[in-house]
Structures are given as structure tokens and as C-alpha cells.
Amino acid sequence: MWLSRFLPKLAVTSPQEAVRRATYIDRQPNRWQARFFRWIDKRVPAARSVLLTRKNLYTFPTLTGFGFLTLSLVLWLLGTNYQNNLILALSYLLMSLVVVAILHTYANLAGLRIKVLGAKPAFVGETVYFILEVEGARAKGSDNLTIRWWNGEDACFDFEAGSDGKQTTQIQVGLHAVKRGYLYPGKLLLESTFPLGLIRCWTWLNLDARAVVFPKPLKVQFPLQAEGDGDGETGEQVAGGDDFAGLKEYRAGDPIKHIAWKHYAREQGLYSKEYASARNNDTWLEWNSFLHLAPEDRLSALCYWALEFDRLGIAYGLRLPGKQLPPALDDGHRLSVLSALARFDISLSGH
């Protein structure tokens, strides 16, 4: 345990606040790693929950471990050549520590169950946090665990056992979002070199996880909408306003001030003036309203105005090629609009 203090990867944080870094690093597996991952996929198919056992845990000496083994071998050669029992005993002691380290490092991870609970949606350029549940029944818990997605940054945490010997905790593992749509995080690495730092025990998990990434909001001027779009939903007149709308035949009960006296004086009949006002036009976010922008920028502009209308308390609808959401104003509608923008297929627009 004392040796682990000198290893840079063993910084410890609480499970609920595992270290998360948003810096995006585009790593691509090399030929051997890609072959190794294909072999893992055959052995362990994608699943929402994975139990760590000897079938998916791997152990190998670290650089420190190789140095430790080399030192033990040198001592053994010296003790054998000079027939020095004290040096031989020291060599055997060091070798026994390596064997003990293998067992303890493996036991530190064995028996843990990793389960995907979900992910928090985010916008392009932000960090998506996947929520994982860690469950274990080891009485001593697990120490100095390092976890990260393939293209993510390391996060370290300790897993403490409960009083009843079984405990679950939640951690969040972040991954930078670089484009809209569904984000599939890929392989999840979980590793540890606890307690001596001589042996590394690790696994690559193929978890069935994904998250929705919304377009990055783009602030542009909102275009003026036409008074009527031909479908009868906008530009209509409703009675009761201040704008003169025409004449109608007088009916008993009509206000006297609305009578058209000039027409009556010309003996053209008795009419009443009718007043109306334009119906409040529904606010629509339309794909064709931002034709001057590139397709992806249009989605970003629609995303910006969806958030803006929601902030201002204005009901709004969404019209995309092949999809329409009627005007509304609540959290569920905002999520539906943003999700529709995130999943929109550009090819449907004809571009």
C-alpha cells in the first residue's frame, strides 16, 4: 500500500465526485488494439450491466513490476553464485510479494458490477456525463479504481463497502461531445494497480450506452414570419378588435355607435360597422426560415431560438422536412424540439 502513494494515477476522490475532465482527445485504436477489441466483443457482447470476473479481467506487470522482478532475479543469481542464503531469502521474499500483489490486485476489481443508468443530454462542445452504478459485495471495498471511456479522461474513485457487506454507488464519467445526434461512448476502461503498483488489473467493458447531443446554439436574427401561410392558421381576423373589417346588415342589439350613418343617409340601407383584429400568430421555428445558412447552422439557429422562446415564455412549434411539432410551452416540448433537432437527418432536406 505504501508503494501506491508514489504512483501518479492513484489520486483518490469520493465516488460521487469522481474526477471528470472535459478535454477532448481523439484517440484511435492501433491495429493490435482494434484486434484486441474485436476479440473482446466476441467474448463479451454489449450489455447494460457487466459483472467483473476472471473471464473479463486481465492482469499484467507494470513497469515498476518488471523492475521489481528484474531486481529479484539479479538477487537470486547473486545468491546462487556466491551461495549466500541471506541474499537468496531476500530474493524469495520479493518474489512472494509479487505473487501476493497479483492476488490482491485481481481481488480489488473482481466481483464489481457496472451498470449503465443513463446519460444527461448536452450540447455540442459540452461534456456528456454517463451515469454508472457500481455494485460490489467485497467486505473491504475497492480502492484506487481508474475509469474512463476510450476517448475520455481518467477518473479515479474508491468504492467503499456498506455495513451489510453490499453497497452500490453512482459515478459520472464524462465524454466530450463533438457532433450532434447520438453519442456512443465506445469501450469503458476500468483498471487498478492497488495495492503495490506492481501489477495492473484491467478490463475493457462493452456497455450498451448512448446519449443525445443537441446542436450548439447559434445566435442569428429571427426572420419575420408571413401574415398567412395558406393553411388558415395565421393571418385570420377575429371579432372584437379595433380594426375596421367591413359592414354587415344591422341587427337588433348592435351598438348604435357602430351604425354606418353615412350609408343610411344616402338611403343605401342600415348597416353596422364590423371591427376585428388579427389573430395572434403562432410562432413557428421553420427549416425554410434560415435558407441563407448551411444545414448544420440552420439546426443550430433553430436550437438557439427554441431556447430563447422557452426563456421568454412564448409558445412555439417546429417544422422540419418530414416532421412537425405543434406549438407548446413546457419542459417536455422543449426536450422534444431539441431531440428532433439532434436526430434530424440532413439528407431529408434535399441537401
Foldseek 3Di string as FASTA:
>chain_A
DVQVVPDPLQDADAQACWDFDQDWDDDDDDPVVVVVVVVVCVQAPAEQKDADDPSFKDKDFDPVLVVLLVVLVVLCVVCVVVVPVVSPVVSVVSVVVVVVLVVVQSVLRHFKMKGWDAWDEEAAQGKIKTKIKIKGQAQAFHGRKWKAFPRTDIITYTGGADPVSIDMDIHIYIYHHHAFAKDDRAWMKIWDSPDNNGMIMIGTHNYDYIHGYFYAADDDDFDDDDQDDPPPQGVDKDFDDDAFDAKDADDPPDDPVQWPVVCVVVVVHIIGTTGTGTDDHAAELELVRPVVDDNSNSLNNSLNVLVVCQVVVGWYKYDDQVDIGDTDHDPVRNVVSRRCSRHPDPVSVVD
